[in-house]
PDB file of N, CA and C in Angstrom:
ATOM      1  N   MET A   1       7.255 -10.655   8.444  1.00  0.00           N
ATOM      2  CA  MET A   1       7.450  -9.449   9.232  1.00  0.00           C
ATOM      3  C   MET A   1       8.574  -8.607   8.617  1.00  0.00           C
ATOM      4  N   ILE A   2       8.333  -7.331   8.555  1.00  0.00           N
ATOM      5  CA  ILE A   2       9.346  -6.436   7.989  1.00  0.00           C
ATOM      6  C   ILE A   2      10.476  -6.237   8.997  1.00  0.00           C
ATOM      7  N   LYS A   3      11.689  -6.238   8.493  1.00  0.00           N
ATOM      8  CA  LYS A   3      12.839  -6.027   9.374  1.00  0.00           C
ATOM      9  C   LYS A   3      12.863  -4.575   9.823  1.00  0.00           C
ATOM     10  N   ASN A   4      12.936  -4.389  11.129  1.00  0.00           N
ATOM     11  CA  ASN A   4      13.073  -3.017  11.613  1.00  0.00           C
ATOM     12  C   ASN A   4      14.395  -2.819  12.344  1.00  0.00           C
ATOM     13  N   ALA A   5      15.247  -3.821  12.302  1.00  0.00           N
ATOM     14  CA  ALA A   5      16.570  -3.694  12.904  1.00  0.00           C
ATOM     15  C   ALA A   5      17.524  -3.070  11.890  1.00  0.00           C
ATOM     16  N   PHE A   6      18.500  -2.373  12.415  1.00  0.00           N
ATOM     17  CA  PHE A   6      19.475  -1.727  11.551  1.00  0.00           C
ATOM     18  C   PHE A   6      20.730  -2.568  11.508  1.00  0.00           C
ATOM     19  N   LYS A   7      21.124  -2.984  10.335  1.00  0.00           N
ATOM     20  CA  LYS A   7      22.365  -3.715  10.149  1.00  0.00           C
ATOM     21  C   LYS A   7      23.300  -2.835   9.336  1.00  0.00           C
ATOM     22  N   GLU A   8      24.452  -2.544   9.911  1.00  0.00           N
ATOM     23  CA  GLU A   8      25.428  -1.677   9.254  1.00  0.00           C
ATOM     24  C   GLU A   8      25.967  -2.349   7.989  1.00  0.00           C
ATOM     25  N   ALA A   9      25.964  -1.619   6.874  1.00  0.00           N
ATOM     26  CA  ALA A   9      26.391  -2.163   5.582  1.00  0.00           C
ATOM     27  C   ALA A   9      27.878  -1.956   5.318  1.00  0.00           C
ATOM     28  N   PHE A  10      28.553  -1.202   6.175  1.00  0.00           N
ATOM     29  CA  PHE A  10      29.920  -0.811   5.861  1.00  0.00           C
ATOM     30  C   PHE A  10      30.918  -1.275   6.919  1.00  0.00           C
ATOM     31  N   SER A  11      32.067  -1.723   6.441  1.00  0.00           N
ATOM     32  CA  SER A  11      33.153  -2.134   7.330  1.00  0.00           C
ATOM     33  C   SER A  11      33.920  -0.891   7.794  1.00  0.00           C
ATOM     34  N   PRO A  12      34.655  -1.005   8.884  1.00  0.00           N
ATOM     35  CA  PRO A  12      35.497   0.125   9.310  1.00  0.00           C
ATOM     36  C   PRO A  12      36.493   0.541   8.216  1.00  0.00           C
ATOM     37  N   GLU A  13      36.984  -0.426   7.449  1.00  0.00           N
ATOM     38  CA  GLU A  13      37.926  -0.116   6.365  1.00  0.00           C
ATOM     39  C   GLU A  13      37.249   0.711   5.272  1.00  0.00           C
ATOM     40  N   TRP A  14      36.009   0.364   4.926  1.00  0.00           N
ATOM     41  CA  TRP A  14      35.267   1.114   3.913  1.00  0.00           C
ATOM     42  C   TRP A  14      35.078   2.547   4.394  1.00  0.00           C
ATOM     43  N   LEU A  15      34.692   2.694   5.646  1.00  0.00           N
ATOM     44  CA  LEU A  15      34.478   4.033   6.204  1.00  0.00           C
ATOM     45  C   LEU A  15      35.760   4.857   6.166  1.00  0.00           C
ATOM     46  N   GLU A  16      36.856   4.255   6.558  1.00  0.00           N
ATOM     47  CA  GLU A  16      38.135   4.973   6.573  1.00  0.00           C
ATOM     48  C   GLU A  16      38.553   5.420   5.175  1.00  0.00           C
ATOM     49  N   THR A  17      38.271   4.596   4.188  1.00  0.00           N
ATOM     50  CA  THR A  17      38.651   4.899   2.807  1.00  0.00           C
ATOM     51  C   THR A  17      37.703   5.899   2.147  1.00  0.00           C
ATOM     52  N   ASN A  18      36.414   5.790   2.411  1.00  0.00           N
ATOM     53  CA  ASN A  18      35.411   6.549   1.658  1.00  0.00           C
ATOM     54  C   ASN A  18      34.777   7.724   2.387  1.00  0.00           C
ATOM     55  N   ILE A  19      34.736   7.686   3.683  1.00  0.00           N
ATOM     56  CA  ILE A  19      34.120   8.774   4.449  1.00  0.00           C
ATOM     57  C   ILE A  19      35.244   9.529   5.148  1.00  0.00           C
ATOM     58  N   THR A  20      35.844  10.436   4.409  1.00  0.00           N
ATOM     59  CA  THR A  20      37.038  11.135   4.883  1.00  0.00           C
ATOM     60  C   THR A  20      36.723  12.401   5.673  1.00  0.00           C
ATOM     61  N   ASN A  21      35.495  12.849   5.614  1.00  0.00           N
ATOM     62  CA  ASN A  21      35.094  14.048   6.341  1.00  0.00           C
ATOM     63  C   ASN A  21      34.076  13.655   7.413  1.00  0.00           C
ATOM     64  N   PRO A  22      34.512  13.433   8.645  1.00  0.00           N
ATOM     65  CA  PRO A  22      33.592  12.985   9.697  1.00  0.00           C
ATOM     66  C   PRO A  22      32.583  14.041  10.133  1.00  0.00           C
ATOM     67  N   ILE A  23      32.769  15.286   9.693  1.00  0.00           N
ATOM     68  CA  ILE A  23      31.784  16.311  10.033  1.00  0.00           C
ATOM     69  C   ILE A  23      30.915  16.705   8.833  1.00  0.00           C
ATOM     70  N   HIS A  24      30.911  15.865   7.812  1.00  0.00           N
ATOM     71  CA  HIS A  24      30.011  16.081   6.674  1.00  0.00           C
ATOM     72  C   HIS A  24      28.579  16.040   7.199  1.00  0.00           C
ATOM     73  N   GLU A  25      27.732  16.892   6.665  1.00  0.00           N
ATOM     74  CA  GLU A  25      26.358  16.997   7.165  1.00  0.00           C
ATOM     75  C   GLU A  25      25.613  15.661   7.163  1.00  0.00           C
ATOM     76  N   LEU A  26      25.822  14.820   6.157  1.00  0.00           N
ATOM     77  CA  LEU A  26      25.111  13.545   6.112  1.00  0.00           C
ATOM     78  C   LEU A  26      25.633  12.559   7.156  1.00  0.00           C
ATOM     79  N   VAL A  27      26.899  12.645   7.495  1.00  0.00           N
ATOM     80  CA  VAL A  27      27.461  11.795   8.542  1.00  0.00           C
ATOM     81  C   VAL A  27      26.830  12.172   9.885  1.00  0.00           C
ATOM     82  N   ILE A  28      26.734  13.453  10.136  1.00  0.00           N
ATOM     83  CA  ILE A  28      26.160  13.938  11.398  1.00  0.00           C
ATOM     84  C   ILE A  28      24.673  13.634  11.475  1.00  0.00           C
ATOM     85  N   ILE A  29      23.943  13.949  10.411  1.00  0.00           N
ATOM     86  CA  ILE A  29      22.493  13.716  10.409  1.00  0.00           C
ATOM     87  C   ILE A  29      22.181  12.232  10.565  1.00  0.00           C
ATOM     88  N   ARG A  30      22.971  11.382   9.920  1.00  0.00           N
ATOM     89  CA  ARG A  30      22.762   9.930  10.010  1.00  0.00           C
ATOM     90  C   ARG A  30      22.811   9.461  11.461  1.00  0.00           C
ATOM     91  N   GLU A  31      23.696  10.074  12.239  1.00  0.00           N
ATOM     92  CA  GLU A  31      23.871   9.664  13.634  1.00  0.00           C
ATOM     93  C   GLU A  31      22.752  10.163  14.545  1.00  0.00           C
ATOM     94  N   ILE A  32      22.118  11.267  14.204  1.00  0.00           N
ATOM     95  CA  ILE A  32      21.117  11.826  15.129  1.00  0.00           C
ATOM     96  C   ILE A  32      19.677  11.448  14.800  1.00  0.00           C
ATOM     97  N   ILE A  33      19.427  10.918  13.622  1.00  0.00           N
ATOM     98  CA  ILE A  33      18.064  10.500  13.279  1.00  0.00           C
ATOM     99  C   ILE A  33      17.697   9.272  14.103  1.00  0.00           C
ATOM    100  N   PRO A  34      16.518   9.274  14.714  1.00  0.00           N
ATOM    101  CA  PRO A  34      16.075   8.110  15.494  1.00  0.00           C
ATOM    102  C   PRO A  34      15.526   7.014  14.564  1.00  0.00           C
ATOM    103  N   TRP A  35      16.424   6.301  13.892  1.00  0.00           N
ATOM    104  CA  TRP A  35      16.032   5.326  12.865  1.00  0.00           C
ATOM    105  C   TRP A  35      15.089   4.266  13.409  1.00  0.00           C
ATOM    106  N   LYS A  36      15.430   3.677  14.526  1.00  0.00           N
ATOM    107  CA  LYS A  36      14.627   2.578  15.074  1.00  0.00           C
ATOM    108  C   LYS A  36      13.205   3.044  15.387  1.00  0.00           C
ATOM    109  N   LYS A  37      13.082   4.192  15.977  1.00  0.00           N
ATOM    110  CA  LYS A  37      11.770   4.757  16.309  1.00  0.00           C
ATOM    111  C   LYS A  37      10.948   4.996  15.033  1.00  0.00           C
ATOM    112  N   ASN A  38      11.581   5.593  14.030  1.00  0.00           N
ATOM    113  CA  ASN A  38      10.879   5.856  12.766  1.00  0.00           C
ATOM    114  C   ASN A  38      10.424   4.571  12.091  1.00  0.00           C
ATOM    115  N   ILE A  39      11.313   3.595  12.016  1.00  0.00           N
ATOM    116  CA  ILE A  39      10.982   2.337  11.350  1.00  0.00           C
ATOM    117  C   ILE A  39       9.844   1.637  12.086  1.00  0.00           C
ATOM    118  N   SER A  40       9.898   1.644  13.401  1.00  0.00           N
ATOM    119  CA  SER A  40       8.829   1.026  14.193  1.00  0.00           C
ATOM    120  C   SER A  40       7.483   1.679  13.905  1.00  0.00           C
ATOM    121  N   ARG A  41       7.474   2.973  13.760  1.00  0.00           N
ATOM    122  CA  ARG A  41       6.224   3.695  13.484  1.00  0.00           C
ATOM    123  C   ARG A  41       5.732   3.473  12.056  1.00  0.00           C
ATOM    124  N   LEU A  42       6.661   3.179  11.131  1.00  0.00           N
ATOM    125  CA  LEU A  42       6.266   2.979   9.730  1.00  0.00           C
ATOM    126  C   LEU A  42       5.844   1.543   9.421  1.00  0.00           C
ATOM    127  N   CYS A  43       6.188   0.610  10.270  1.00  0.00           N
ATOM    128  CA  CYS A  43       5.862  -0.800  10.017  1.00  0.00           C
ATOM    129  C   CYS A  43       4.361  -1.026   9.851  1.00  0.00           C
ATOM    130  N   ARG A  44       3.558  -0.227  10.482  1.00  0.00           N
ATOM    131  CA  ARG A  44       2.104  -0.416  10.395  1.00  0.00           C
ATOM    132  C   ARG A  44       1.546  -0.193   8.988  1.00  0.00           C
ATOM    133  N   PHE A  45       2.313   0.434   8.132  1.00  0.00           N
ATOM    134  CA  PHE A  45       1.866   0.669   6.760  1.00  0.00           C
ATOM    135  C   PHE A  45       2.106  -0.534   5.855  1.00  0.00           C
ATOM    136  N   TYR A  46       2.690  -1.564   6.416  1.00  0.00           N
ATOM    137  CA  TYR A  46       2.974  -2.783   5.654  1.00  0.00           C
ATOM    138  C   TYR A  46       2.014  -3.878   6.066  1.00  0.00           C
ATOM    139  N   ASP A  47       1.368  -4.465   5.086  1.00  0.00           N
ATOM    140  CA  ASP A  47       0.467  -5.584   5.308  1.00  0.00           C
ATOM    141  C   ASP A  47       1.229  -6.856   4.957  1.00  0.00           C
ATOM    142  N   LYS A  48       1.464  -7.708   5.965  1.00  0.00           N
ATOM    143  CA  LYS A  48       2.282  -8.890   5.720  1.00  0.00           C
ATOM    144  C   LYS A  48       1.641  -9.873   4.753  1.00  0.00           C
ATOM    145  N   SER A  49       0.355  -9.711   4.474  1.00  0.00           N
ATOM    146  CA  SER A  49      -0.308 -10.602   3.522  1.00  0.00           C
ATOM    147  C   SER A  49      -0.361 -10.015   2.112  1.00  0.00           C
ATOM    148  N   HIS A  50       0.247  -8.845   1.928  1.00  0.00           N
ATOM    149  CA  HIS A  50       0.174  -8.157   0.633  1.00  0.00           C
ATOM    150  C   HIS A  50       1.561  -7.905   0.063  1.00  0.00           C
ATOM    151  N   GLY A  51       2.065  -8.853  -0.701  1.00  0.00           N
ATOM    152  CA  GLY A  51       3.334  -8.663  -1.410  1.00  0.00           C
ATOM    153  C   GLY A  51       4.570  -8.812  -0.548  1.00  0.00           C
ATOM    154  N   ALA A  52       5.691  -8.831  -1.219  1.00  0.00           N
ATOM    155  CA  ALA A  52       6.980  -8.969  -0.548  1.00  0.00           C
ATOM    156  C   ALA A  52       7.493  -7.605  -0.109  1.00  0.00           C
ATOM    157  N   PHE A  53       8.309  -7.589   0.935  1.00  0.00           N
ATOM    158  CA  PHE A  53       8.853  -6.330   1.433  1.00  0.00           C
ATOM    159  C   PHE A  53      10.086  -5.905   0.655  1.00  0.00           C
ATOM    160  N   GLY A  54      10.903  -6.846   0.296  1.00  0.00           N
ATOM    161  CA  GLY A  54      12.053  -6.540  -0.534  1.00  0.00           C
ATOM    162  C   GLY A  54      13.115  -5.705   0.145  1.00  0.00           C
ATOM    163  N   LYS A  55      13.099  -4.435  -0.060  1.00  0.00           N
ATOM    164  CA  LYS A  55      14.164  -3.535   0.396  1.00  0.00           C
ATOM    165  C   LYS A  55      14.014  -3.170   1.875  1.00  0.00           C
ATOM    166  N   SER A  56      15.134  -2.839   2.466  1.00  0.00           N
ATOM    167  CA  SER A  56      15.169  -2.404   3.854  1.00  0.00           C
ATOM    168  C   SER A  56      14.367  -1.112   4.025  1.00  0.00           C
ATOM    169  N   LEU A  57      13.487  -1.105   4.995  1.00  0.00           N
ATOM    170  CA  LEU A  57      12.698   0.094   5.252  1.00  0.00           C
ATOM    171  C   LEU A  57      13.595   1.225   5.742  1.00  0.00           C
ATOM    172  N   ARG A  58      14.661   0.898   6.422  1.00  0.00           N
ATOM    173  CA  ARG A  58      15.629   1.900   6.870  1.00  0.00           C
ATOM    174  C   ARG A  58      16.257   2.583   5.654  1.00  0.00           C
ATOM    175  N   MET A  59      16.665   1.789   4.662  1.00  0.00           N
ATOM    176  CA  MET A  59      17.266   2.332   3.449  1.00  0.00           C
ATOM    177  C   MET A  59      16.247   3.187   2.683  1.00  0.00           C
ATOM    178  N   MET A  60      15.058   2.674   2.532  1.00  0.00           N
ATOM    179  CA  MET A  60      14.040   3.394   1.762  1.00  0.00           C
ATOM    180  C   MET A  60      13.652   4.706   2.442  1.00  0.00           C
ATOM    181  N   THR A  61      13.573   4.697   3.757  1.00  0.00           N
ATOM    182  CA  THR A  61      13.277   5.925   4.497  1.00  0.00           C
ATOM    183  C   THR A  61      14.386   6.956   4.285  1.00  0.00           C
ATOM    184  N   ALA A  62      15.624   6.488   4.350  1.00  0.00           N
ATOM    185  CA  ALA A  62      16.761   7.383   4.132  1.00  0.00           C
ATOM    186  C   ALA A  62      16.732   7.979   2.726  1.00  0.00           C
ATOM    187  N   ILE A  63      16.352   7.187   1.752  1.00  0.00           N
ATOM    188  CA  ILE A  63      16.275   7.692   0.379  1.00  0.00           C
ATOM    189  C   ILE A  63      15.216   8.784   0.268  1.00  0.00           C
ATOM    190  N   LEU A  64      14.074   8.589   0.911  1.00  0.00           N
ATOM    191  CA  LEU A  64      13.035   9.635   0.896  1.00  0.00           C
ATOM    192  C   LEU A  64      13.548  10.920   1.556  1.00  0.00           C
ATOM    193  N   ILE A  65      14.322  10.768   2.618  1.00  0.00           N
ATOM    194  CA  ILE A  65      14.898  11.939   3.291  1.00  0.00           C
ATOM    195  C   ILE A  65      15.856  12.673   2.350  1.00  0.00           C
ATOM    196  N   ILE A  66      16.722  11.933   1.683  1.00  0.00           N
ATOM    197  CA  ILE A  66      17.669  12.537   0.738  1.00  0.00           C
ATOM    198  C   ILE A  66      16.920  13.250  -0.385  1.00  0.00           C
ATOM    199  N   MET A  67      15.856  12.644  -0.883  1.00  0.00           N
ATOM    200  CA  MET A  67      15.072  13.268  -1.955  1.00  0.00           C
ATOM    201  C   MET A  67      14.554  14.628  -1.528  1.00  0.00           C
ATOM    202  N   LYS A  68      13.995  14.681  -0.325  1.00  0.00           N
ATOM    203  CA  LYS A  68      13.436  15.944   0.147  1.00  0.00           C
ATOM    204  C   LYS A  68      14.553  16.944   0.470  1.00  0.00           C
ATOM    205  N   TYR A  69      15.598  16.494   1.119  1.00  0.00           N
ATOM    206  CA  TYR A  69      16.696  17.358   1.551  1.00  0.00           C
ATOM    207  C   TYR A  69      17.373  18.042   0.360  1.00  0.00           C
ATOM    208  N   TYR A  70      17.603  17.282  -0.693  1.00  0.00           N
ATOM    209  CA  TYR A  70      18.273  17.826  -1.878  1.00  0.00           C
ATOM    210  C   TYR A  70      17.319  18.151  -3.028  1.00  0.00           C
ATOM    211  N   ARG A  71      16.031  17.965  -2.803  1.00  0.00           N
ATOM    212  CA  ARG A  71      14.996  18.231  -3.820  1.00  0.00           C
ATOM    213  C   ARG A  71      15.284  17.481  -5.121  1.00  0.00           C
ATOM    214  N   LEU A  72      15.407  16.161  -5.001  1.00  0.00           N
ATOM    215  CA  LEU A  72      15.714  15.308  -6.142  1.00  0.00           C
ATOM    216  C   LEU A  72      14.496  14.516  -6.583  1.00  0.00           C
ATOM    217  N   SER A  73      14.437  14.211  -7.859  1.00  0.00           N
ATOM    218  CA  SER A  73      13.398  13.338  -8.385  1.00  0.00           C
ATOM    219  C   SER A  73      13.771  11.888  -8.077  1.00  0.00           C
ATOM    220  N   ASP A  74      12.860  10.971  -8.363  1.00  0.00           N
ATOM    221  CA  ASP A  74      13.133   9.548  -8.149  1.00  0.00           C
ATOM    222  C   ASP A  74      14.365   9.105  -8.936  1.00  0.00           C
ATOM    223  N   ARG A  75      14.411   9.452 -10.194  1.00  0.00           N
ATOM    224  CA  ARG A  75      15.547   9.058 -11.037  1.00  0.00           C
ATOM    225  C   ARG A  75      16.852   9.708 -10.562  1.00  0.00           C
ATOM    226  N   GLU A  76      16.771  10.989 -10.196  1.00  0.00           N
ATOM    227  CA  GLU A  76      17.970  11.703  -9.768  1.00  0.00           C
ATOM    228  C   GLU A  76      18.537  11.138  -8.471  1.00  0.00           C
ATOM    229  N   VAL A  77      17.671  10.760  -7.529  1.00  0.00           N
ATOM    230  CA  VAL A  77      18.168  10.246  -6.254  1.00  0.00           C
ATOM    231  C   VAL A  77      18.863   8.904  -6.442  1.00  0.00           C
ATOM    232  N   VAL A  78      18.330   8.052  -7.298  1.00  0.00           N
ATOM    233  CA  VAL A  78      18.977   6.767  -7.563  1.00  0.00           C
ATOM    234  C   VAL A  78      20.347   7.007  -8.189  1.00  0.00           C
ATOM    235  N   LYS A  79      20.429   7.944  -9.123  1.00  0.00           N
ATOM    236  CA  LYS A  79      21.705   8.282  -9.767  1.00  0.00           C
ATOM    237  C   LYS A  79      22.706   8.812  -8.737  1.00  0.00           C
ATOM    238  N   GLN A  80      22.255   9.698  -7.864  1.00  0.00           N
ATOM    239  CA  GLN A  80      23.139  10.278  -6.850  1.00  0.00           C
ATOM    240  C   GLN A  80      23.653   9.223  -5.870  1.00  0.00           C
ATOM    241  N   ILE A  81      22.812   8.287  -5.508  1.00  0.00           N
ATOM    242  CA  ILE A  81      23.235   7.225  -4.594  1.00  0.00           C
ATOM    243  C   ILE A  81      24.341   6.401  -5.233  1.00  0.00           C
ATOM    244  N   LYS A  82      24.207   6.128  -6.509  1.00  0.00           N
ATOM    245  CA  LYS A  82      25.226   5.344  -7.207  1.00  0.00           C
ATOM    246  C   LYS A  82      26.561   6.070  -7.283  1.00  0.00           C
ATOM    247  N   GLU A  83      26.545   7.409  -7.239  1.00  0.00           N
ATOM    248  CA  GLU A  83      27.752   8.198  -7.457  1.00  0.00           C
ATOM    249  C   GLU A  83      28.357   8.827  -6.202  1.00  0.00           C
ATOM    250  N   ASN A  84      27.592   8.991  -5.155  1.00  0.00           N
ATOM    251  CA  ASN A  84      28.030   9.768  -4.004  1.00  0.00           C
ATOM    252  C   ASN A  84      28.186   8.878  -2.773  1.00  0.00           C
ATOM    253  N   ARG A  85      29.416   8.739  -2.278  1.00  0.00           N
ATOM    254  CA  ARG A  85      29.703   7.873  -1.136  1.00  0.00           C
ATOM    255  C   ARG A  85      29.007   8.336   0.146  1.00  0.00           C
ATOM    256  N   TYR A  86      28.871   9.640   0.340  1.00  0.00           N
ATOM    257  CA  TYR A  86      28.208  10.132   1.542  1.00  0.00           C
ATOM    258  C   TYR A  86      26.714   9.802   1.527  1.00  0.00           C
ATOM    259  N   ILE A  87      26.103   9.885   0.363  1.00  0.00           N
ATOM    260  CA  ILE A  87      24.694   9.503   0.258  1.00  0.00           C
ATOM    261  C   ILE A  87      24.554   7.996   0.422  1.00  0.00           C
ATOM    262  N   GLN A  88      25.476   7.230  -0.135  1.00  0.00           N
ATOM    263  CA  GLN A  88      25.451   5.774   0.061  1.00  0.00           C
ATOM    264  C   GLN A  88      25.530   5.446   1.550  1.00  0.00           C
ATOM    265  N   TYR A  89      26.426   6.109   2.230  1.00  0.00           N
ATOM    266  CA  TYR A  89      26.597   5.880   3.670  1.00  0.00           C
ATOM    267  C   TYR A  89      25.337   6.273   4.434  1.00  0.00           C
ATOM    268  N   PHE A  90      24.797   7.429   4.138  1.00  0.00           N
ATOM    269  CA  PHE A  90      23.582   7.892   4.818  1.00  0.00           C
ATOM    270  C   PHE A  90      22.446   6.894   4.628  1.00  0.00           C
ATOM    271  N   CYS A  91      22.286   6.409   3.404  1.00  0.00           N
ATOM    272  CA  CYS A  91      21.187   5.495   3.084  1.00  0.00           C
ATOM    273  C   CYS A  91      21.505   4.044   3.415  1.00  0.00           C
ATOM    274  N   ASN A  92      22.750   3.771   3.800  1.00  0.00           N
ATOM    275  CA  ASN A  92      23.193   2.415   4.135  1.00  0.00           C
ATOM    276  C   ASN A  92      23.049   1.465   2.949  1.00  0.00           C
ATOM    277  N   VAL A  93      23.486   1.936   1.787  1.00  0.00           N
ATOM    278  CA  VAL A  93      23.453   1.136   0.565  1.00  0.00           C
ATOM    279  C   VAL A  93      24.845   0.553   0.334  1.00  0.00           C
ATOM    280  N   PRO A  94      24.991  -0.765   0.453  1.00  0.00           N
ATOM    281  CA  PRO A  94      26.314  -1.380   0.305  1.00  0.00           C
ATOM    282  C   PRO A  94      26.800  -1.389  -1.136  1.00  0.00           C
ATOM    283  N   ASN A  95      28.105  -1.582  -1.297  1.00  0.00           N
ATOM    284  CA  ASN A  95      28.700  -1.654  -2.637  1.00  0.00           C
ATOM    285  C   ASN A  95      28.137  -2.806  -3.458  1.00  0.00           C
ATOM    286  N   MET A  96      27.902  -3.931  -2.808  1.00  0.00           N
ATOM    287  CA  MET A  96      27.420  -5.102  -3.539  1.00  0.00           C
ATOM    288  C   MET A  96      26.047  -4.805  -4.149  1.00  0.00           C
ATOM    289  N   GLY A  97      25.966  -4.885  -5.441  1.00  0.00           N
ATOM    290  CA  GLY A  97      24.717  -4.622  -6.144  1.00  0.00           C
ATOM    291  C   GLY A  97      24.371  -3.154  -6.269  1.00  0.00           C
ATOM    292  N   LEU A  98      25.324  -2.286  -6.030  1.00  0.00           N
ATOM    293  CA  LEU A  98      25.068  -0.847  -6.038  1.00  0.00           C
ATOM    294  C   LEU A  98      24.433  -0.361  -7.338  1.00  0.00           C
ATOM    295  N   GLN A  99      24.884  -0.860  -8.460  1.00  0.00           N
ATOM    296  CA  GLN A  99      24.370  -0.374  -9.739  1.00  0.00           C
ATOM    297  C   GLN A  99      22.957  -0.859 -10.043  1.00  0.00           C
ATOM    298  N   THR A 100      22.491  -1.870  -9.333  1.00  0.00           N
ATOM    299  CA  THR A 100      21.138  -2.399  -9.589  1.00  0.00           C
ATOM    300  C   THR A 100      20.302  -2.489  -8.316  1.00  0.00           C
ATOM    301  N   PHE A 101      20.674  -1.773  -7.263  1.00  0.00           N
ATOM    302  CA  PHE A 101      20.028  -1.929  -5.964  1.00  0.00           C
ATOM    303  C   PHE A 101      18.569  -1.499  -5.925  1.00  0.00           C
ATOM    304  N   LEU A 102      18.179  -0.593  -6.824  1.00  0.00           N
ATOM    305  CA  LEU A 102      16.822  -0.047  -6.745  1.00  0.00           C
ATOM    306  C   LEU A 102      16.410   0.537  -8.092  1.00  0.00           C
ATOM    307  N   HIS A 103      15.182   0.254  -8.477  1.00  0.00           N
ATOM    308  CA  HIS A 103      14.605   0.915  -9.645  1.00  0.00           C
ATOM    309  C   HIS A 103      13.831   2.129  -9.131  1.00  0.00           C
ATOM    310  N   HIS A 104      13.930   3.221  -9.825  1.00  0.00           N
ATOM    311  CA  HIS A 104      13.293   4.465  -9.369  1.00  0.00           C
ATOM    312  C   HIS A 104      11.795   4.327  -9.128  1.00  0.00           C
ATOM    313  N   SER A 105      11.127   3.446  -9.844  1.00  0.00           N
ATOM    314  CA  SER A 105       9.677   3.287  -9.666  1.00  0.00           C
ATOM    315  C   SER A 105       9.318   2.722  -8.292  1.00  0.00           C
ATOM    316  N   SER A 106      10.280   2.082  -7.620  1.00  0.00           N
ATOM    317  CA  SER A 106      10.033   1.555  -6.273  1.00  0.00           C
ATOM    318  C   SER A 106       9.746   2.676  -5.283  1.00  0.00           C
ATOM    319  N   LEU A 107      10.245   3.857  -5.561  1.00  0.00           N
ATOM    320  CA  LEU A 107      10.010   4.987  -4.666  1.00  0.00           C
ATOM    321  C   LEU A 107       8.560   5.460  -4.737  1.00  0.00           C
ATOM    322  N   THR A 108       7.975   5.393  -5.913  1.00  0.00           N
ATOM    323  CA  THR A 108       6.561   5.726  -6.054  1.00  0.00           C
ATOM    324  C   THR A 108       5.712   4.731  -5.278  1.00  0.00           C
ATOM    325  N   VAL A 109       6.055   3.466  -5.388  1.00  0.00           N
ATOM    326  CA  VAL A 109       5.339   2.420  -4.659  1.00  0.00           C
ATOM    327  C   VAL A 109       5.432   2.684  -3.154  1.00  0.00           C
ATOM    328  N   LEU A 110       6.616   3.031  -2.678  1.00  0.00           N
ATOM    329  CA  LEU A 110       6.805   3.312  -1.256  1.00  0.00           C
ATOM    330  C   LEU A 110       5.972   4.503  -0.806  1.00  0.00           C
ATOM    331  N   ARG A 111       6.020   5.592  -1.561  1.00  0.00           N
ATOM    332  CA  ARG A 111       5.232   6.776  -1.192  1.00  0.00           C
ATOM    333  C   ARG A 111       3.744   6.455  -1.159  1.00  0.00           C
ATOM    334  N   ASN A 112       3.268   5.671  -2.122  1.00  0.00           N
ATOM    335  CA  ASN A 112       1.860   5.281  -2.133  1.00  0.00           C
ATOM    336  C   ASN A 112       1.519   4.421  -0.919  1.00  0.00           C
ATOM    337  N   ARG A 113       2.423   3.525  -0.574  1.00  0.00           N
ATOM    338  CA  ARG A 113       2.198   2.643   0.573  1.00  0.00           C
ATOM    339  C   ARG A 113       2.139   3.435   1.880  1.00  0.00           C
ATOM    340  N   LEU A 114       3.063   4.380   2.045  1.00  0.00           N
ATOM    341  CA  LEU A 114       3.101   5.159   3.280  1.00  0.00           C
ATOM    342  C   LEU A 114       1.999   6.210   3.337  1.00  0.00           C
ATOM    343  N   GLY A 115       1.654   6.753   2.180  1.00  0.00           N
ATOM    344  CA  GLY A 115       0.638   7.795   2.133  1.00  0.00           C
ATOM    345  C   GLY A 115       1.095   9.055   2.852  1.00  0.00           C
ATOM    346  N   GLU A 116       0.200  10.005   2.952  1.00  0.00           N
ATOM    347  CA  GLU A 116       0.523  11.272   3.599  1.00  0.00           C
ATOM    348  C   GLU A 116       0.880  11.078   5.064  1.00  0.00           C
ATOM    349  N   GLN A 117       0.191  10.145   5.701  1.00  0.00           N
ATOM    350  CA  GLN A 117       0.411   9.898   7.120  1.00  0.00           C
ATOM    351  C   GLN A 117       1.828   9.364   7.387  1.00  0.00           C
ATOM    352  N   GLY A 118       2.271   8.409   6.590  1.00  0.00           N
ATOM    353  CA  GLY A 118       3.608   7.852   6.760  1.00  0.00           C
ATOM    354  C   GLY A 118       4.700   8.856   6.442  1.00  0.00           C
ATOM    355  N   ILE A 119       4.510   9.612   5.381  1.00  0.00           N
ATOM    356  CA  ILE A 119       5.491  10.643   5.012  1.00  0.00           C
ATOM    357  C   ILE A 119       5.575  11.689   6.122  1.00  0.00           C
ATOM    358  N   ALA A 120       4.436  12.020   6.737  1.00  0.00           N
ATOM    359  CA  ALA A 120       4.418  12.990   7.822  1.00  0.00           C
ATOM    360  C   ALA A 120       5.222  12.498   9.024  1.00  0.00           C
ATOM    361  N   ILE A 121       5.196  11.200   9.279  1.00  0.00           N
ATOM    362  CA  ILE A 121       5.990  10.631  10.384  1.00  0.00           C
ATOM    363  C   ILE A 121       7.465  10.893  10.134  1.00  0.00           C
ATOM    364  N   ILE A 122       7.917  10.626   8.930  1.00  0.00           N
ATOM    365  CA  ILE A 122       9.328  10.838   8.580  1.00  0.00           C
ATOM    366  C   ILE A 122       9.685  12.317   8.703  1.00  0.00           C
ATOM    367  N   GLU A 123       8.875  13.159   8.116  1.00  0.00           N
ATOM    368  CA  GLU A 123       9.169  14.581   8.103  1.00  0.00           C
ATOM    369  C   GLU A 123       9.161  15.181   9.508  1.00  0.00           C
ATOM    370  N   LYS A 124       8.258  14.735  10.360  1.00  0.00           N
ATOM    371  CA  LYS A 124       8.188  15.263  11.730  1.00  0.00           C
ATOM    372  C   LYS A 124       9.471  14.945  12.499  1.00  0.00           C
ATOM    373  N   GLU A 125       9.972  13.739  12.356  1.00  0.00           N
ATOM    374  CA  GLU A 125      11.158  13.323  13.098  1.00  0.00           C
ATOM    375  C   GLU A 125      12.446  13.922  12.534  1.00  0.00           C
ATOM    376  N   VAL A 126      12.472  14.175  11.241  1.00  0.00           N
ATOM    377  CA  VAL A 126      13.722  14.589  10.609  1.00  0.00           C
ATOM    378  C   VAL A 126      13.787  16.089  10.351  1.00  0.00           C
ATOM    379  N   PHE A 127      12.725  16.637   9.792  1.00  0.00           N
ATOM    380  CA  PHE A 127      12.775  18.039   9.381  1.00  0.00           C
ATOM    381  C   PHE A 127      12.126  18.958  10.395  1.00  0.00           C
TER     382      PHE A 127
END
């Protein structure tokens, strides 16, 4: 079963050190997106008998949102996540394994898995 629970990747100390602007657009948007509702609706696109789930669906959904919001390619979004603390926070990507957390080709696999219908769910709730 795919995890649809949200587990916070950051300690209060990390937030205090790295997220210095509490009114940054990504901090605000992160708080208002209905993550649990979106993840629950996207779980149906996963077949538990077909391959491993691997990455957090919450993280992957956030990455797709960042791609559309900033109009980034697969390679560019992975690069930005590695370099930008606010994007890391929005996507809930922890420091541990940050440089190897995701290969850009995984995003193509995700988009194919979700299809137009799954992408529409994300876009309807967020944009």
